[in-house]
Amino acid sequence: MMKIKIFQINTDRDNNRVVFMSLEATKKFQHADKIDRNIYDEVFSGSVDCRNLGDVFMVFNLYHPEVYRGRSLSVSDVVEVIESETTEPGYYFCDSFCFQKIEF
């Protein structure tokens, strides 16, 4: 079981058009090493029956919980791990083929 939050870019505030871009590209187009938290909206907060971030990715792509109000989890989304037995708490950027821990 993991307690998480999911953040997705609000395209109305995405002036640099970084939605669905990799972490490297996002930093480049935002001209900063830190992701701009102001363009993100929280779309989920709760506990999920997952062991790791890979499981989180599967759940929020294939089996959206009823209370989930976001689009399928994708590149440029951020997952905050609040509690987990297997994953260090923190913020993780969903990048191509992996999650990268970031400051957020």
PDB file of N, CA and C in Angstrom:
ATOM      1  N   MET A   1       0.849  -1.180   0.000  1.00  0.00           N
ATOM      2  CA  MET A   1       0.000   0.000   0.000  1.00  0.00           C
ATOM      3  C   MET A   1       0.890   1.237   0.000  1.00  0.00           C
ATOM      4  N   MET A   2       0.512   2.225  -0.773  1.00  0.00           N
ATOM      5  CA  MET A   2       1.243   3.491  -0.843  1.00  0.00           C
ATOM      6  C   MET A   2       0.268   4.644  -0.671  1.00  0.00           C
ATOM      7  N   LYS A   3       0.712   5.694   0.005  1.00  0.00           N
ATOM      8  CA  LYS A   3      -0.057   6.933   0.081  1.00  0.00           C
ATOM      9  C   LYS A   3       0.640   7.917  -0.852  1.00  0.00           C
ATOM     10  N   ILE A   4      -0.118   8.440  -1.831  1.00  0.00           N
ATOM     11  CA  ILE A   4       0.478   9.284  -2.869  1.00  0.00           C
ATOM     12  C   ILE A   4      -0.409  10.482  -3.209  1.00  0.00           C
ATOM     13  N   LYS A   5       0.185  11.415  -3.931  1.00  0.00           N
ATOM     14  CA  LYS A   5      -0.541  12.486  -4.612  1.00  0.00           C
ATOM     15  C   LYS A   5      -0.035  12.500  -6.042  1.00  0.00           C
ATOM     16  N   ILE A   6      -0.901  12.879  -6.960  1.00  0.00           N
ATOM     17  CA  ILE A   6      -0.518  13.005  -8.371  1.00  0.00           C
ATOM     18  C   ILE A   6      -0.804  14.421  -8.826  1.00  0.00           C
ATOM     19  N   PHE A   7       0.157  14.994  -9.535  1.00  0.00           N
ATOM     20  CA  PHE A   7       0.056  16.348 -10.067  1.00  0.00           C
ATOM     21  C   PHE A   7       0.212  16.291 -11.585  1.00  0.00           C
ATOM     22  N   GLN A   8      -0.649  17.021 -12.291  1.00  0.00           N
ATOM     23  CA  GLN A   8      -0.564  17.098 -13.750  1.00  0.00           C
ATOM     24  C   GLN A   8      -0.580  18.556 -14.186  1.00  0.00           C
ATOM     25  N   ILE A   9       0.077  18.812 -15.307  1.00  0.00           N
ATOM     26  CA  ILE A   9       0.164  20.169 -15.839  1.00  0.00           C
ATOM     27  C   ILE A   9      -1.204  20.640 -16.298  1.00  0.00           C
ATOM     28  N   ASN A  10      -1.554  21.849 -15.876  1.00  0.00           N
ATOM     29  CA  ASN A  10      -2.767  22.505 -16.342  1.00  0.00           C
ATOM     30  C   ASN A  10      -2.374  23.241 -17.632  1.00  0.00           C
ATOM     31  N   THR A  11      -2.891  22.815 -18.755  1.00  0.00           N
ATOM     32  CA  THR A  11      -2.462  23.370 -20.046  1.00  0.00           C
ATOM     33  C   THR A  11      -2.797  24.853 -20.194  1.00  0.00           C
ATOM     34  N   ASP A  12      -3.758  25.353 -19.424  1.00  0.00           N
ATOM     35  CA  ASP A  12      -4.072  26.788 -19.477  1.00  0.00           C
ATOM     36  C   ASP A  12      -2.939  27.642 -18.897  1.00  0.00           C
ATOM     37  N   ARG A  13      -2.141  27.055 -17.987  1.00  0.00           N
ATOM     38  CA  ARG A  13      -1.031  27.787 -17.369  1.00  0.00           C
ATOM     39  C   ARG A  13       0.329  27.369 -17.931  1.00  0.00           C
ATOM     40  N   ASP A  14       0.330  26.489 -18.896  1.00  0.00           N
ATOM     41  CA  ASP A  14       1.559  25.932 -19.458  1.00  0.00           C
ATOM     42  C   ASP A  14       2.082  26.820 -20.601  1.00  0.00           C
ATOM     43  N   ASN A  15       2.601  27.984 -20.242  1.00  0.00           N
ATOM     44  CA  ASN A  15       3.062  28.948 -21.252  1.00  0.00           C
ATOM     45  C   ASN A  15       4.223  28.440 -22.093  1.00  0.00           C
ATOM     46  N   ASN A  16       5.031  27.535 -21.540  1.00  0.00           N
ATOM     47  CA  ASN A  16       6.172  26.991 -22.278  1.00  0.00           C
ATOM     48  C   ASN A  16       5.840  25.698 -23.023  1.00  0.00           C
ATOM     49  N   ARG A  17       4.602  25.274 -22.926  1.00  0.00           N
ATOM     50  CA  ARG A  17       4.108  24.067 -23.619  1.00  0.00           C
ATOM     51  C   ARG A  17       4.977  22.840 -23.336  1.00  0.00           C
ATOM     52  N   VAL A  18       5.131  22.538 -22.053  1.00  0.00           N
ATOM     53  CA  VAL A  18       5.969  21.413 -21.650  1.00  0.00           C
ATOM     54  C   VAL A  18       5.172  20.163 -21.271  1.00  0.00           C
ATOM     55  N   VAL A  19       3.846  20.237 -21.353  1.00  0.00           N
ATOM     56  CA  VAL A  19       3.045  19.060 -21.053  1.00  0.00           C
ATOM     57  C   VAL A  19       3.490  17.916 -21.975  1.00  0.00           C
ATOM     58  N   PHE A  20       3.676  16.745 -21.386  1.00  0.00           N
ATOM     59  CA  PHE A  20       4.116  15.516 -22.068  1.00  0.00           C
ATOM     60  C   PHE A  20       5.575  15.563 -22.519  1.00  0.00           C
ATOM     61  N   MET A  21       6.369  16.524 -22.025  1.00  0.00           N
ATOM     62  CA  MET A  21       7.793  16.570 -22.369  1.00  0.00           C
ATOM     63  C   MET A  21       8.622  15.915 -21.273  1.00  0.00           C
ATOM     64  N   SER A  22       9.789  15.437 -21.653  1.00  0.00           N
ATOM     65  CA  SER A  22      10.709  14.808 -20.709  1.00  0.00           C
ATOM     66  C   SER A  22      11.202  15.820 -19.679  1.00  0.00           C
ATOM     67  N   LEU A  23      11.825  15.320 -18.632  1.00  0.00           N
ATOM     68  CA  LEU A  23      12.374  16.184 -17.597  1.00  0.00           C
ATOM     69  C   LEU A  23      13.436  17.106 -18.188  1.00  0.00           C
ATOM     70  N   GLU A  24      14.312  16.573 -18.997  1.00  0.00           N
ATOM     71  CA  GLU A  24      15.372  17.376 -19.621  1.00  0.00           C
ATOM     72  C   GLU A  24      14.789  18.497 -20.488  1.00  0.00           C
ATOM     73  N   ALA A  25      13.807  18.157 -21.316  1.00  0.00           N
ATOM     74  CA  ALA A  25      13.187  19.158 -22.186  1.00  0.00           C
ATOM     75  C   ALA A  25      12.419  20.196 -21.371  1.00  0.00           C
ATOM     76  N   THR A  26      11.739  19.754 -20.316  1.00  0.00           N
ATOM     77  CA  THR A  26      10.979  20.672 -19.471  1.00  0.00           C
ATOM     78  C   THR A  26      11.903  21.705 -18.847  1.00  0.00           C
ATOM     79  N   LYS A  27      13.013  21.253 -18.298  1.00  0.00           N
ATOM     80  CA  LYS A  27      13.978  22.181 -17.695  1.00  0.00           C
ATOM     81  C   LYS A  27      14.520  23.150 -18.746  1.00  0.00           C
ATOM     82  N   LYS A  28      14.785  22.649 -19.932  1.00  0.00           N
ATOM     83  CA  LYS A  28      15.310  23.490 -21.012  1.00  0.00           C
ATOM     84  C   LYS A  28      14.317  24.586 -21.394  1.00  0.00           C
ATOM     85  N   PHE A  29      13.072  24.208 -21.617  1.00  0.00           N
ATOM     86  CA  PHE A  29      12.077  25.182 -22.063  1.00  0.00           C
ATOM     87  C   PHE A  29      11.620  26.122 -20.955  1.00  0.00           C
ATOM     88  N   GLN A  30      11.765  25.692 -19.687  1.00  0.00           N
ATOM     89  CA  GLN A  30      11.420  26.569 -18.576  1.00  0.00           C
ATOM     90  C   GLN A  30      12.610  27.418 -18.140  1.00  0.00           C
ATOM     91  N   HIS A  31      13.773  27.147 -18.726  1.00  0.00           N
ATOM     92  CA  HIS A  31      15.004  27.881 -18.389  1.00  0.00           C
ATOM     93  C   HIS A  31      15.292  27.822 -16.900  1.00  0.00           C
ATOM     94  N   ALA A  32      15.119  26.618 -16.311  1.00  0.00           N
ATOM     95  CA  ALA A  32      15.345  26.439 -14.878  1.00  0.00           C
ATOM     96  C   ALA A  32      15.625  24.971 -14.586  1.00  0.00           C
ATOM     97  N   ASP A  33      16.374  24.728 -13.513  1.00  0.00           N
ATOM     98  CA  ASP A  33      16.654  23.352 -13.104  1.00  0.00           C
ATOM     99  C   ASP A  33      15.532  22.761 -12.254  1.00  0.00           C
ATOM    100  N   LYS A  34      14.670  23.621 -11.718  1.00  0.00           N
ATOM    101  CA  LYS A  34      13.561  23.159 -10.900  1.00  0.00           C
ATOM    102  C   LYS A  34      12.262  23.265 -11.698  1.00  0.00           C
ATOM    103  N   ILE A  35      11.444  22.255 -11.587  1.00  0.00           N
ATOM    104  CA  ILE A  35      10.158  22.233 -12.278  1.00  0.00           C
ATOM    105  C   ILE A  35       9.245  23.312 -11.693  1.00  0.00           C
ATOM    106  N   ASP A  36       8.516  24.010 -12.558  1.00  0.00           N
ATOM    107  CA  ASP A  36       7.599  25.072 -12.132  1.00  0.00           C
ATOM    108  C   ASP A  36       6.316  24.454 -11.567  1.00  0.00           C
ATOM    109  N   ARG A  37       6.240  24.397 -10.265  1.00  0.00           N
ATOM    110  CA  ARG A  37       5.092  23.793  -9.585  1.00  0.00           C
ATOM    111  C   ARG A  37       3.787  24.556  -9.867  1.00  0.00           C
ATOM    112  N   ASN A  38       3.895  25.835 -10.193  1.00  0.00           N
ATOM    113  CA  ASN A  38       2.704  26.673 -10.399  1.00  0.00           C
ATOM    114  C   ASN A  38       1.857  26.273 -11.593  1.00  0.00           C
ATOM    115  N   ILE A  39       2.398  25.482 -12.509  1.00  0.00           N
ATOM    116  CA  ILE A  39       1.605  25.075 -13.673  1.00  0.00           C
ATOM    117  C   ILE A  39       0.897  23.735 -13.446  1.00  0.00           C
ATOM    118  N   TYR A  40       1.093  23.151 -12.266  1.00  0.00           N
ATOM    119  CA  TYR A  40       0.516  21.842 -11.949  1.00  0.00           C
ATOM    120  C   TYR A  40      -0.728  21.958 -11.084  1.00  0.00           C
ATOM    121  N   ASP A  41      -1.649  21.015 -11.270  1.00  0.00           N
ATOM    122  CA  ASP A  41      -2.820  20.858 -10.420  1.00  0.00           C
ATOM    123  C   ASP A  41      -2.745  19.484  -9.756  1.00  0.00           C
ATOM    124  N   GLU A  42      -3.160  19.411  -8.510  1.00  0.00           N
ATOM    125  CA  GLU A  42      -3.274  18.111  -7.845  1.00  0.00           C
ATOM    126  C   GLU A  42      -4.530  17.428  -8.383  1.00  0.00           C
ATOM    127  N   VAL A  43      -4.378  16.202  -8.903  1.00  0.00           N
ATOM    128  CA  VAL A  43      -5.519  15.489  -9.480  1.00  0.00           C
ATOM    129  C   VAL A  43      -5.876  14.223  -8.709  1.00  0.00           C
ATOM    130  N   PHE A  44      -5.040  13.868  -7.722  1.00  0.00           N
ATOM    131  CA  PHE A  44      -5.339  12.693  -6.895  1.00  0.00           C
ATOM    132  C   PHE A  44      -4.583  12.797  -5.584  1.00  0.00           C
ATOM    133  N   SER A  45      -5.231  12.348  -4.525  1.00  0.00           N
ATOM    134  CA  SER A  45      -4.595  12.228  -3.222  1.00  0.00           C
ATOM    135  C   SER A  45      -5.251  11.058  -2.510  1.00  0.00           C
ATOM    136  N   GLY A  46      -4.439  10.076  -2.113  1.00  0.00           N
ATOM    137  CA  GLY A  46      -5.019   8.943  -1.406  1.00  0.00           C
ATOM    138  C   GLY A  46      -4.090   7.755  -1.351  1.00  0.00           C
ATOM    139  N   SER A  47      -4.614   6.666  -0.846  1.00  0.00           N
ATOM    140  CA  SER A  47      -3.865   5.418  -0.744  1.00  0.00           C
ATOM    141  C   SER A  47      -4.235   4.507  -1.899  1.00  0.00           C
ATOM    142  N   VAL A  48      -3.230   3.821  -2.410  1.00  0.00           N
ATOM    143  CA  VAL A  48      -3.441   2.889  -3.519  1.00  0.00           C
ATOM    144  C   VAL A  48      -2.745   1.571  -3.198  1.00  0.00           C
ATOM    145  N   ASP A  49      -3.300   0.497  -3.704  1.00  0.00           N
ATOM    146  CA  ASP A  49      -2.735  -0.830  -3.470  1.00  0.00           C
ATOM    147  C   ASP A  49      -1.615  -1.072  -4.478  1.00  0.00           C
ATOM    148  N   CYS A  50      -0.465  -0.430  -4.223  1.00  0.00           N
ATOM    149  CA  CYS A  50       0.689  -0.521  -5.113  1.00  0.00           C
ATOM    150  C   CYS A  50       1.940  -0.777  -4.283  1.00  0.00           C
ATOM    151  N   ARG A  51       2.910  -1.475  -4.871  1.00  0.00           N
ATOM    152  CA  ARG A  51       4.180  -1.746  -4.198  1.00  0.00           C
ATOM    153  C   ARG A  51       5.254  -0.740  -4.581  1.00  0.00           C
ATOM    154  N   ASN A  52       5.127  -0.146  -5.795  1.00  0.00           N
ATOM    155  CA  ASN A  52       6.173   0.741  -6.298  1.00  0.00           C
ATOM    156  C   ASN A  52       5.588   1.691  -7.344  1.00  0.00           C
ATOM    157  N   LEU A  53       6.453   2.566  -7.876  1.00  0.00           N
ATOM    158  CA  LEU A  53       5.969   3.549  -8.859  1.00  0.00           C
ATOM    159  C   LEU A  53       5.542   2.900 -10.174  1.00  0.00           C
ATOM    160  N   GLY A  54       6.117   1.778 -10.509  1.00  0.00           N
ATOM    161  CA  GLY A  54       5.667   1.045 -11.701  1.00  0.00           C
ATOM    162  C   GLY A  54       4.221   0.606 -11.568  1.00  0.00           C
ATOM    163  N   ASP A  55       3.860   0.124 -10.369  1.00  0.00           N
ATOM    164  CA  ASP A  55       2.468  -0.252 -10.108  1.00  0.00           C
ATOM    165  C   ASP A  55       1.553   0.968 -10.184  1.00  0.00           C
ATOM    166  N   VAL A  56       2.022   2.102  -9.636  1.00  0.00           N
ATOM    167  CA  VAL A  56       1.236   3.343  -9.698  1.00  0.00           C
ATOM    168  C   VAL A  56       0.972   3.708 -11.159  1.00  0.00           C
ATOM    169  N   PHE A  57       1.995   3.602 -11.986  1.00  0.00           N
ATOM    170  CA  PHE A  57       1.848   3.911 -13.407  1.00  0.00           C
ATOM    171  C   PHE A  57       0.770   3.026 -14.040  1.00  0.00           C
ATOM    172  N   MET A  58       0.802   1.728 -13.742  1.00  0.00           N
ATOM    173  CA  MET A  58      -0.194   0.807 -14.318  1.00  0.00           C
ATOM    174  C   MET A  58      -1.616   1.157 -13.855  1.00  0.00           C
ATOM    175  N   VAL A  59      -1.774   1.388 -12.554  1.00  0.00           N
ATOM    176  CA  VAL A  59      -3.104   1.688 -12.006  1.00  0.00           C
ATOM    177  C   VAL A  59      -3.676   2.945 -12.653  1.00  0.00           C
ATOM    178  N   PHE A  60      -2.858   3.988 -12.775  1.00  0.00           N
ATOM    179  CA  PHE A  60      -3.386   5.255 -13.275  1.00  0.00           C
ATOM    180  C   PHE A  60      -3.347   5.363 -14.798  1.00  0.00           C
ATOM    181  N   ASN A  61      -3.048   4.252 -15.450  1.00  0.00           N
ATOM    182  CA  ASN A  61      -3.206   4.156 -16.895  1.00  0.00           C
ATOM    183  C   ASN A  61      -4.332   3.208 -17.266  1.00  0.00           C
ATOM    184  N   LEU A  62      -4.493   2.130 -16.497  1.00  0.00           N
ATOM    185  CA  LEU A  62      -5.451   1.096 -16.878  1.00  0.00           C
ATOM    186  C   LEU A  62      -6.673   0.997 -15.979  1.00  0.00           C
ATOM    187  N   TYR A  63      -6.521   1.304 -14.690  1.00  0.00           N
ATOM    188  CA  TYR A  63      -7.597   1.051 -13.728  1.00  0.00           C
ATOM    189  C   TYR A  63      -7.871   2.286 -12.883  1.00  0.00           C
ATOM    190  N   HIS A  64      -8.186   3.405 -13.514  1.00  0.00           N
ATOM    191  CA  HIS A  64      -8.383   4.656 -12.778  1.00  0.00           C
ATOM    192  C   HIS A  64      -9.356   4.482 -11.615  1.00  0.00           C
ATOM    193  N   PRO A  65      -8.928   4.851 -10.395  1.00  0.00           N
ATOM    194  CA  PRO A  65      -9.871   4.850  -9.266  1.00  0.00           C
ATOM    195  C   PRO A  65     -11.018   5.832  -9.543  1.00  0.00           C
ATOM    196  N   GLU A  66     -12.187   5.572  -8.975  1.00  0.00           N
ATOM    197  CA  GLU A  66     -13.359   6.424  -9.218  1.00  0.00           C
ATOM    198  C   GLU A  66     -13.124   7.879  -8.847  1.00  0.00           C
ATOM    199  N   VAL A  67     -12.325   8.129  -7.814  1.00  0.00           N
ATOM    200  CA  VAL A  67     -12.101   9.502  -7.344  1.00  0.00           C
ATOM    201  C   VAL A  67     -11.013  10.225  -8.137  1.00  0.00           C
ATOM    202  N   TYR A  68     -10.383   9.541  -9.069  1.00  0.00           N
ATOM    203  CA  TYR A  68      -9.304  10.139  -9.867  1.00  0.00           C
ATOM    204  C   TYR A  68      -9.905  11.078 -10.896  1.00  0.00           C
ATOM    205  N   ARG A  69      -9.393  12.324 -10.950  1.00  0.00           N
ATOM    206  CA  ARG A  69      -9.962  13.295 -11.885  1.00  0.00           C
ATOM    207  C   ARG A  69      -8.944  13.787 -12.917  1.00  0.00           C
ATOM    208  N   GLY A  70      -7.915  12.996 -13.156  1.00  0.00           N
ATOM    209  CA  GLY A  70      -6.892  13.377 -14.125  1.00  0.00           C
ATOM    210  C   GLY A  70      -6.945  12.506 -15.366  1.00  0.00           C
ATOM    211  N   ARG A  71      -6.036  12.809 -16.277  1.00  0.00           N
ATOM    212  CA  ARG A  71      -5.891  11.973 -17.470  1.00  0.00           C
ATOM    213  C   ARG A  71      -4.949  10.814 -17.119  1.00  0.00           C
ATOM    214  N   SER A  72      -4.788   9.875 -18.022  1.00  0.00           N
ATOM    215  CA  SER A  72      -3.883   8.762 -17.773  1.00  0.00           C
ATOM    216  C   SER A  72      -2.493   9.280 -17.440  1.00  0.00           C
ATOM    217  N   LEU A  73      -1.847   8.658 -16.465  1.00  0.00           N
ATOM    218  CA  LEU A  73      -0.520   9.065 -16.031  1.00  0.00           C
ATOM    219  C   LEU A  73       0.435   9.014 -17.214  1.00  0.00           C
ATOM    220  N   SER A  74       1.207  10.084 -17.393  1.00  0.00           N
ATOM    221  CA  SER A  74       2.066  10.183 -18.568  1.00  0.00           C
ATOM    222  C   SER A  74       3.300  11.021 -18.260  1.00  0.00           C
ATOM    223  N   VAL A  75       4.167  11.121 -19.244  1.00  0.00           N
ATOM    224  CA  VAL A  75       5.375  11.937 -19.148  1.00  0.00           C
ATOM    225  C   VAL A  75       4.979  13.364 -18.786  1.00  0.00           C
ATOM    226  N   SER A  76       5.703  13.959 -17.872  1.00  0.00           N
ATOM    227  CA  SER A  76       5.554  15.309 -17.316  1.00  0.00           C
ATOM    228  C   SER A  76       4.695  15.343 -16.060  1.00  0.00           C
ATOM    229  N   ASP A  77       4.034  14.240 -15.708  1.00  0.00           N
ATOM    230  CA  ASP A  77       3.264  14.188 -14.474  1.00  0.00           C
ATOM    231  C   ASP A  77       4.213  13.983 -13.292  1.00  0.00           C
ATOM    232  N   VAL A  78       3.781  14.383 -12.104  1.00  0.00           N
ATOM    233  CA  VAL A  78       4.591  14.244 -10.896  1.00  0.00           C
ATOM    234  C   VAL A  78       3.793  13.441  -9.873  1.00  0.00           C
ATOM    235  N   VAL A  79       4.455  12.437  -9.293  1.00  0.00           N
ATOM    236  CA  VAL A  79       3.863  11.633  -8.227  1.00  0.00           C
ATOM    237  C   VAL A  79       4.611  11.948  -6.934  1.00  0.00           C
ATOM    238  N   GLU A  80       3.866  12.335  -5.917  1.00  0.00           N
ATOM    239  CA  GLU A  80       4.463  12.515  -4.602  1.00  0.00           C
ATOM    240  C   GLU A  80       4.202  11.250  -3.792  1.00  0.00           C
ATOM    241  N   VAL A  81       5.262  10.614  -3.352  1.00  0.00           N
ATOM    242  CA  VAL A  81       5.141   9.460  -2.472  1.00  0.00           C
ATOM    243  C   VAL A  81       5.189   9.992  -1.041  1.00  0.00           C
ATOM    244  N   ILE A  82       4.100   9.796  -0.319  1.00  0.00           N
ATOM    245  CA  ILE A  82       3.994  10.272   1.062  1.00  0.00           C
ATOM    246  C   ILE A  82       4.378   9.151   2.028  1.00  0.00           C
ATOM    247  N   GLU A  83       3.840   7.959   1.784  1.00  0.00           N
ATOM    248  CA  GLU A  83       4.159   6.784   2.598  1.00  0.00           C
ATOM    249  C   GLU A  83       4.268   5.574   1.693  1.00  0.00           C
ATOM    250  N   SER A  84       5.313   4.784   1.931  1.00  0.00           N
ATOM    251  CA  SER A  84       5.512   3.560   1.169  1.00  0.00           C
ATOM    252  C   SER A  84       6.526   2.691   1.889  1.00  0.00           C
ATOM    253  N   GLU A  85       6.346   1.387   1.814  1.00  0.00           N
ATOM    254  CA  GLU A  85       7.310   0.464   2.403  1.00  0.00           C
ATOM    255  C   GLU A  85       8.509   0.255   1.484  1.00  0.00           C
ATOM    256  N   THR A  86       8.373   0.573   0.194  1.00  0.00           N
ATOM    257  CA  THR A  86       9.428   0.237  -0.761  1.00  0.00           C
ATOM    258  C   THR A  86      10.021   1.438  -1.497  1.00  0.00           C
ATOM    259  N   THR A  87       9.383   2.591  -1.442  1.00  0.00           N
ATOM    260  CA  THR A  87       9.832   3.759  -2.202  1.00  0.00           C
ATOM    261  C   THR A  87      10.055   4.931  -1.256  1.00  0.00           C
ATOM    262  N   GLU A  88      11.193   5.573  -1.403  1.00  0.00           N
ATOM    263  CA  GLU A  88      11.533   6.714  -0.555  1.00  0.00           C
ATOM    264  C   GLU A  88      10.535   7.844  -0.781  1.00  0.00           C
ATOM    265  N   PRO A  89      10.014   8.443   0.292  1.00  0.00           N
ATOM    266  CA  PRO A  89       9.111   9.580   0.131  1.00  0.00           C
ATOM    267  C   PRO A  89       9.779  10.710  -0.665  1.00  0.00           C
ATOM    268  N   GLY A  90       8.974  11.410  -1.441  1.00  0.00           N
ATOM    269  CA  GLY A  90       9.469  12.518  -2.247  1.00  0.00           C
ATOM    270  C   GLY A  90       8.649  12.665  -3.509  1.00  0.00           C
ATOM    271  N   TYR A  91       9.135  13.543  -4.376  1.00  0.00           N
ATOM    272  CA  TYR A  91       8.457  13.836  -5.643  1.00  0.00           C
ATOM    273  C   TYR A  91       9.185  13.136  -6.778  1.00  0.00           C
ATOM    274  N   TYR A  92       8.402  12.524  -7.685  1.00  0.00           N
ATOM    275  CA  TYR A  92       8.963  11.775  -8.796  1.00  0.00           C
ATOM    276  C   TYR A  92       8.329  12.233 -10.108  1.00  0.00           C
ATOM    277  N   PHE A  93       9.176  12.650 -11.031  1.00  0.00           N
ATOM    278  CA  PHE A  93       8.746  13.096 -12.353  1.00  0.00           C
ATOM    279  C   PHE A  93       8.588  11.862 -13.225  1.00  0.00           C
ATOM    280  N   CYS A  94       7.457  11.735 -13.865  1.00  0.00           N
ATOM    281  CA  CYS A  94       7.214  10.624 -14.788  1.00  0.00           C
ATOM    282  C   CYS A  94       7.886  10.969 -16.116  1.00  0.00           C
ATOM    283  N   ASP A  95       8.981  10.276 -16.394  1.00  0.00           N
ATOM    284  CA  ASP A  95       9.761  10.519 -17.606  1.00  0.00           C
ATOM    285  C   ASP A  95       9.603   9.313 -18.521  1.00  0.00           C
ATOM    286  N   SER A  96      10.169   9.365 -19.678  1.00  0.00           N
ATOM    287  CA  SER A  96      10.094   8.233 -20.600  1.00  0.00           C
ATOM    288  C   SER A  96      10.744   7.013 -19.960  1.00  0.00           C
ATOM    289  N   PHE A  97       9.982   5.973 -19.731  1.00  0.00           N
ATOM    290  CA  PHE A  97      10.446   4.682 -19.240  1.00  0.00           C
ATOM    291  C   PHE A  97      10.924   4.666 -17.790  1.00  0.00           C
ATOM    292  N   CYS A  98      10.780   5.766 -17.028  1.00  0.00           N
ATOM    293  CA  CYS A  98      11.233   5.747 -15.638  1.00  0.00           C
ATOM    294  C   CYS A  98      10.642   6.917 -14.866  1.00  0.00           C
ATOM    295  N   PHE A  99      10.832   6.891 -13.556  1.00  0.00           N
ATOM    296  CA  PHE A  99      10.513   8.011 -12.686  1.00  0.00           C
ATOM    297  C   PHE A  99      11.817   8.572 -12.166  1.00  0.00           C
ATOM    298  N   GLN A 100      11.930   9.892 -12.149  1.00  0.00           N
ATOM    299  CA  GLN A 100      13.130  10.528 -11.640  1.00  0.00           C
ATOM    300  C   GLN A 100      12.762  11.391 -10.440  1.00  0.00           C
ATOM    301  N   LYS A 101      13.502  11.230  -9.344  1.00  0.00           N
ATOM    302  CA  LYS A 101      13.235  12.014  -8.150  1.00  0.00           C
ATOM    303  C   LYS A 101      13.647  13.465  -8.411  1.00  0.00           C
ATOM    304  N   ILE A 102      12.774  14.397  -8.004  1.00  0.00           N
ATOM    305  CA  ILE A 102      13.005  15.824  -8.264  1.00  0.00           C
ATOM    306  C   ILE A 102      12.664  16.657  -7.039  1.00  0.00           C
ATOM    307  N   GLU A 103      13.074  17.929  -7.085  1.00  0.00           N
ATOM    308  CA  GLU A 103      12.564  18.926  -6.138  1.00  0.00           C
ATOM    309  C   GLU A 103      11.314  19.494  -6.784  1.00  0.00           C
ATOM    310  N   PHE A 104      10.324  19.769  -5.964  1.00  0.00           N
ATOM    311  CA  PHE A 104       9.053  20.241  -6.539  1.00  0.00           C
ATOM    312  C   PHE A 104       8.424  21.252  -5.615  1.00  0.00           C
TER     313      PHE A 104
END
